[in-house]
Protein backbone atom coordinates (compact mmCIF):
# COMPACT_ATOMS: atom_id res chain seq x y z
CA MET A 1 141.25 -74.79 -58.49
CA ASN A 2 142.98 -71.54 -59.46
CA LEU A 3 146.65 -71.35 -60.43
CA ARG A 4 147.81 -69.65 -57.23
CA ARG A 5 146.09 -72.21 -55.02
CA SER A 6 147.41 -75.17 -56.99
CA ARG A 7 150.99 -73.89 -56.83
CA LEU A 8 150.67 -73.22 -53.11
CA LEU A 9 149.63 -76.83 -52.57
CA ALA A 10 152.49 -77.99 -54.77
CA ALA A 11 154.97 -76.01 -52.66
CA VAL A 12 153.61 -77.59 -49.49
CA ALA A 13 153.84 -81.06 -51.03
CA VAL A 14 157.50 -80.53 -51.97
CA THR A 15 158.70 -78.89 -48.77
CA GLY A 16 156.43 -80.53 -46.22
CA VAL A 17 155.98 -77.10 -44.61
CA LEU A 18 152.54 -75.64 -44.10
CA LEU A 19 152.68 -71.89 -44.65
CA ALA A 20 150.14 -70.92 -42.04
CA ALA A 21 149.25 -67.36 -41.19
CA PRO A 22 149.79 -66.23 -37.58
CA ALA A 23 146.72 -66.12 -35.40
CA ALA A 24 147.04 -62.37 -34.85
CA THR A 25 145.67 -60.17 -37.62
CA ALA A 26 146.24 -56.52 -38.36
CA SER A 27 143.71 -54.20 -36.81
CA ALA A 28 141.44 -52.26 -39.11
CA ASP A 29 142.23 -48.62 -39.81
CA THR A 30 139.70 -46.10 -38.63
CA THR A 31 139.79 -44.58 -42.12
CA GLN A 32 139.75 -46.19 -45.55
CA PRO A 33 143.29 -46.84 -46.88
CA GLN A 34 144.13 -44.20 -49.47
CA PRO A 35 146.02 -45.14 -52.67
CA VAL A 36 148.42 -42.22 -53.06
CA ASP A 37 150.88 -43.65 -55.63
CA ARG A 38 150.92 -46.25 -58.39
CA TRP A 39 153.73 -46.83 -60.85
CA LYS A 40 152.93 -49.24 -63.69
CA PHE A 41 156.34 -48.71 -65.34
CA ALA A 42 154.69 -49.01 -68.75
CA GLN A 43 156.45 -45.98 -70.21
CA ALA A 44 159.17 -43.42 -69.54
CA SER A 45 159.75 -39.99 -71.04
CA GLY A 46 161.22 -36.56 -70.41
CA THR A 47 164.58 -35.25 -69.21
CA PRO A 48 165.59 -36.69 -66.85
CA LEU A 49 163.81 -39.88 -67.88
CA GLY A 50 160.82 -40.61 -65.66
CA SER A 51 157.90 -43.01 -65.37
CA PRO A 52 154.52 -41.51 -64.40
CA ASP A 53 152.62 -42.03 -61.16
CA GLU A 54 148.93 -42.76 -61.74
CA GLY A 55 148.06 -42.13 -58.08
CA SER A 56 146.75 -38.92 -56.61
CA ALA A 57 150.27 -37.72 -55.74
CA HIS A 58 151.47 -37.78 -59.38
CA ALA A 59 155.04 -38.31 -58.17
CA ALA A 60 157.01 -39.49 -61.20
CA ALA A 61 159.77 -42.08 -60.68
CA VAL A 62 163.03 -40.71 -62.09
CA LEU A 63 165.27 -43.39 -63.62
CA GLY A 64 168.99 -43.73 -63.00
CA ALA A 65 171.35 -44.57 -65.88
CA GLY A 66 171.19 -48.28 -65.03
CA ALA A 67 167.38 -48.35 -65.03
CA SER A 68 165.07 -48.67 -68.01
CA VAL A 69 161.41 -49.28 -68.74
CA ASP A 70 160.69 -52.19 -71.07
CA PRO A 71 157.32 -51.34 -72.67
CA GLY A 72 157.10 -54.47 -74.76
CA GLU A 73 157.14 -57.23 -72.15
CA ALA A 74 154.11 -58.01 -69.99
CA LEU A 75 153.61 -59.46 -66.53
CA LEU A 76 150.12 -58.06 -65.99
CA PRO A 77 147.61 -57.64 -68.82
CA ALA A 78 149.15 -54.21 -69.56
CA ALA A 79 152.73 -54.35 -70.88
CA GLY A 80 155.80 -52.76 -69.33
CA PHE A 81 158.05 -53.10 -66.29
CA LEU A 82 161.18 -51.56 -64.76
CA ARG A 83 164.55 -53.21 -65.39
CA LEU A 84 167.42 -52.58 -62.95
CA ASP A 85 170.98 -53.69 -63.73
CA GLY A 86 172.31 -54.17 -60.19
CA THR A 87 174.89 -51.37 -60.40
CA ALA A 88 175.11 -48.09 -58.48
CA ALA A 89 173.21 -46.45 -61.35
CA GLY A 90 170.52 -49.13 -61.41
CA TYR A 91 167.76 -47.48 -59.41
CA ALA A 92 164.73 -45.20 -59.70
CA GLU A 93 163.42 -42.70 -57.19
CA ALA A 94 160.19 -40.82 -56.64
CA PRO A 95 161.29 -37.93 -54.38
CA ALA A 96 157.79 -36.45 -54.12
CA ALA A 97 155.97 -39.65 -53.09
CA PRO A 98 154.11 -38.61 -49.89
CA LEU A 99 154.56 -41.75 -47.74
CA HIS A 100 154.39 -41.21 -43.96
CA ALA A 101 156.14 -44.24 -42.47
CA ASP A 102 155.16 -43.35 -38.90
CA ARG A 103 151.50 -43.90 -39.80
CA SER A 104 149.80 -47.03 -41.08
CA PHE A 105 150.86 -47.81 -44.64
CA THR A 106 150.95 -50.56 -47.27
CA VAL A 107 153.45 -50.79 -50.13
CA THR A 108 153.08 -53.55 -52.73
CA ALA A 109 155.19 -54.52 -55.75
CA TRP A 110 155.97 -57.32 -58.17
CA ALA A 111 159.65 -58.34 -58.19
CA ASN A 112 161.80 -60.70 -60.25
CA VAL A 113 165.36 -61.34 -59.02
CA THR A 114 167.94 -62.24 -61.68
CA ASP A 115 170.93 -62.59 -59.32
CA PRO A 116 169.71 -64.34 -56.16
CA THR A 117 173.24 -64.87 -54.78
CA ARG A 118 173.46 -61.51 -53.00
CA ASP A 119 171.35 -59.16 -50.94
CA MET A 120 169.40 -56.55 -52.90
CA THR A 121 166.64 -54.05 -52.19
CA VAL A 122 163.24 -53.89 -53.87
CA PHE A 123 162.18 -50.55 -52.37
CA SER A 124 163.02 -48.32 -49.43
CA GLN A 125 162.27 -44.94 -47.93
CA GLY A 126 164.76 -42.49 -46.47
CA THR A 127 167.78 -40.62 -47.84
CA GLY A 128 169.61 -39.76 -44.61
CA THR A 129 171.74 -42.12 -42.52
CA THR A 130 169.45 -45.13 -42.68
CA SER A 131 166.24 -46.16 -44.40
CA ALA A 132 163.04 -45.94 -42.36
CA VAL A 133 161.54 -48.78 -44.42
CA ALA A 134 163.23 -51.37 -46.62
CA LEU A 135 162.07 -54.54 -48.38
CA ARG A 136 164.81 -56.72 -49.79
CA TRP A 137 165.88 -60.10 -51.10
CA HIS A 138 168.22 -61.67 -48.51
CA TYR A 139 170.65 -64.36 -49.70
CA LEU A 140 171.10 -67.18 -47.19
CA GLY A 141 173.60 -69.41 -49.00
CA VAL A 142 173.56 -72.64 -50.99
CA ASN A 143 170.50 -74.84 -50.70
CA PRO A 144 171.71 -78.09 -49.02
CA TYR A 145 169.04 -80.09 -50.83
CA GLY A 146 169.32 -78.80 -54.37
CA GLY A 147 172.61 -76.93 -54.58
CA GLY A 148 171.03 -73.73 -55.88
CA PRO A 149 170.86 -70.35 -54.14
CA LEU A 150 168.72 -70.13 -51.02
CA GLY A 151 167.15 -66.89 -49.86
CA GLU A 152 164.20 -65.12 -48.31
CA TRP A 153 162.21 -61.94 -48.63
CA GLN A 154 162.94 -59.64 -45.71
CA ALA A 155 161.41 -56.36 -44.51
CA THR A 156 162.87 -53.95 -41.94
CA VAL A 157 161.70 -50.72 -40.31
CA ALA A 158 163.80 -48.42 -38.10
CA ASP A 159 162.59 -46.05 -35.38
CA SER A 160 165.15 -43.28 -36.02
CA ASP A 161 167.60 -42.04 -38.64
CA SER A 162 170.61 -43.46 -36.84
CA PRO A 163 173.01 -46.42 -37.20
CA THR A 164 171.94 -47.48 -33.70
CA ALA A 165 168.20 -47.25 -34.38
CA ALA A 166 165.90 -49.91 -32.97
CA ARG A 167 164.66 -52.13 -35.79
CA THR A 168 162.01 -54.73 -36.49
CA THR A 169 162.64 -57.35 -39.19
CA VAL A 170 160.24 -59.94 -40.57
CA ALA A 171 161.03 -62.62 -43.16
CA HIS A 172 159.16 -64.85 -45.57
CA THR A 173 160.38 -67.87 -47.48
CA SER A 174 160.69 -67.54 -51.25
CA ASN A 175 159.48 -71.00 -52.30
CA ILE A 176 155.99 -69.98 -53.40
CA SER A 177 155.91 -68.57 -56.93
CA VAL A 178 152.82 -67.71 -58.93
CA LEU A 179 154.57 -66.91 -62.20
CA GLU A 180 158.05 -68.22 -63.00
CA ASN A 181 160.46 -66.09 -60.90
CA TRP A 182 158.07 -63.23 -60.21
CA ALA A 183 156.78 -62.72 -56.66
CA HIS A 184 154.17 -60.31 -55.37
CA LEU A 185 155.33 -58.53 -52.20
CA ALA A 186 153.19 -56.54 -49.77
CA LEU A 187 154.64 -54.73 -46.75
CA VAL A 188 152.09 -53.55 -44.18
CA TYR A 189 152.72 -51.44 -41.09
CA ASP A 190 149.72 -51.17 -38.75
CA ALA A 191 150.34 -48.19 -36.44
CA ASP A 192 147.30 -48.96 -34.25
CA ALA A 193 148.46 -52.52 -33.59
CA SER A 194 152.22 -51.69 -33.72
CA ARG A 195 152.65 -54.57 -36.14
CA LEU A 196 154.74 -55.21 -39.26
CA THR A 197 153.58 -57.84 -41.77
CA LEU A 198 155.12 -59.12 -45.00
CA TYR A 199 152.99 -60.97 -47.54
CA VAL A 200 154.47 -62.95 -50.43
CA ASP A 201 152.02 -63.88 -53.19
CA GLY A 202 149.19 -62.93 -50.83
CA GLN A 203 150.38 -65.19 -47.99
CA ARG A 204 151.72 -64.56 -44.50
CA GLU A 205 153.97 -67.15 -42.87
CA ASN A 206 154.66 -68.55 -39.42
CA GLN A 207 157.36 -71.20 -39.85
CA THR A 208 159.24 -72.18 -36.70
CA CYS A 209 162.02 -74.76 -36.34
CA GLU A 210 162.69 -77.62 -33.95
CA PRO A 211 165.81 -77.10 -31.78
CA ASP A 212 167.68 -79.92 -33.58
CA SER A 213 166.71 -78.85 -37.13
CA SER A 214 170.09 -78.21 -38.76
CA PHE A 215 168.79 -76.95 -42.10
CA CYS A 216 165.60 -75.19 -40.98
CA THR A 217 165.35 -71.41 -41.22
CA PRO A 218 162.54 -69.77 -39.23
CA HIS A 219 160.33 -67.39 -41.18
CA ILE A 220 157.97 -65.23 -39.16
CA SER A 221 156.41 -62.69 -41.47
CA SER A 222 154.26 -60.81 -38.93
CA ALA A 223 155.57 -59.38 -35.65
CA ALA A 224 155.16 -56.62 -33.07
CA SER A 225 157.05 -53.63 -34.39
CA VAL A 226 158.79 -50.41 -33.49
CA ARG A 227 157.20 -47.30 -34.97
CA PRO A 228 159.16 -46.28 -38.10
CA PHE A 229 160.40 -42.72 -38.20
CA ASP A 230 158.89 -40.32 -40.72
CA ALA A 231 161.68 -39.93 -43.28
CA GLY A 232 159.71 -37.36 -45.27
CA PRO A 233 158.47 -37.78 -48.83
CA GLY A 234 160.16 -40.08 -51.31
CA LEU A 235 160.48 -43.73 -52.30
CA GLU A 236 163.51 -45.52 -53.71
CA PHE A 237 163.36 -48.48 -56.09
CA GLY A 238 166.32 -50.84 -56.21
CA ARG A 239 168.46 -49.44 -53.38
CA GLU A 240 168.45 -48.51 -49.69
CA ARG A 241 170.34 -46.29 -47.26
CA ALA A 242 172.67 -47.76 -44.58
CA ASP A 243 175.35 -45.95 -42.56
CA GLY A 244 174.91 -42.88 -44.72
CA ALA A 245 175.58 -44.66 -48.03
CA TRP A 246 173.53 -46.27 -50.79
CA GLY A 247 173.65 -50.02 -51.29
CA GLY A 248 171.64 -53.16 -51.97
CA TYR A 249 171.32 -52.44 -55.70
CA PHE A 250 168.67 -54.64 -57.27
CA ALA A 251 169.40 -56.87 -60.28
CA GLY A 252 166.13 -57.80 -61.94
CA SER A 253 162.73 -56.31 -62.69
CA LEU A 254 159.98 -54.53 -60.76
CA ASP A 255 156.40 -53.84 -61.73
CA ASP A 256 153.10 -52.31 -60.57
CA VAL A 257 154.12 -50.61 -57.33
CA TRP A 258 151.28 -49.29 -55.17
CA VAL A 259 151.55 -47.07 -52.09
CA HIS A 260 148.58 -46.84 -49.71
CA GLN A 261 148.46 -44.71 -46.59
CA GLY A 262 146.60 -47.17 -44.37
CA VAL A 263 146.28 -50.92 -43.83
CA LEU A 264 145.07 -52.95 -46.78
CA SER A 265 142.99 -56.04 -46.02
CA GLU A 266 144.27 -59.50 -46.85
CA ALA A 267 141.49 -59.78 -49.44
CA ARG A 268 142.67 -56.62 -51.23
CA ILE A 269 146.30 -57.75 -51.10
CA GLY A 270 145.17 -61.04 -52.63
CA GLN A 271 143.52 -59.11 -55.48
CA LEU A 272 146.73 -57.17 -56.14
CA ALA A 273 148.66 -60.47 -56.15
CA ASP A 274 146.51 -61.87 -58.98
CA TYR A 275 148.55 -61.34 -62.15
CA ASN A 276 145.59 -62.33 -64.33
CA VAL A 277 143.73 -59.11 -63.49
CA GLU A 278 145.09 -55.58 -63.53
CA LEU A 279 143.10 -53.36 -61.19
CA ASP A 280 142.14 -49.83 -62.20
CA THR A 281 143.75 -46.91 -60.41
CA PRO A 282 141.11 -45.06 -58.35
CA THR A 283 140.51 -41.56 -59.64
CA GLY A 284 138.31 -40.21 -56.85
CA PRO A 285 138.98 -39.44 -53.15
């Protein structure tokens, strides 16, 4: 039995909750998903300081003053990850990343939260009034069973750059971990199916609650979705836009961010969620 499978079974044994995927699955794209960006965060150089993009877009991630690349530590076989200090300067941005949020897309990343007692953003897109896409850690309060912080991974898309935009939000519990506090996150928008799906460590979730369940939080990580607006190129790491201002600064570490224009299969997402193997970045079309 592999490590991910054994820890999944352990989580089920502790919580008594079966993390079952919804019956509906994302429809297949008519074209092969294209990997346009990949940031390994293994190094940073230049002025301003930036970390290279190995994808076809070559859109470097520029680091804020509260962001740094640690080249000596390793999550994946290759060393290096991005540290963010949770302050207004703790972010990185790739302004040239060519993500079209109104088309099918998949964004994946490894994340490690060091301050789980507040909301914070892993990545987002959009620099106007509101983010078109955002994936965040959402703090829910104190765990009634253990006393520690309780939270969930949460993804949101908006259909316009407006405070009153229609939004779709999906959520996934955080109690499956494949490596200490690291989690692999995959956000998929399927334009053909009008569906938003959030995977955590390669898993979708469909947890509902009985009407009299006082301490149960529903987590539905795949749902019918509005079409996100096309915010133009760019991707933000460690912050998001709301009501015309930046917020949600991330305290922790991020690693191996991929951007695909198209819908990745569950099998491919599972491969990206395997920290024992670091996949090569495609060099061809």
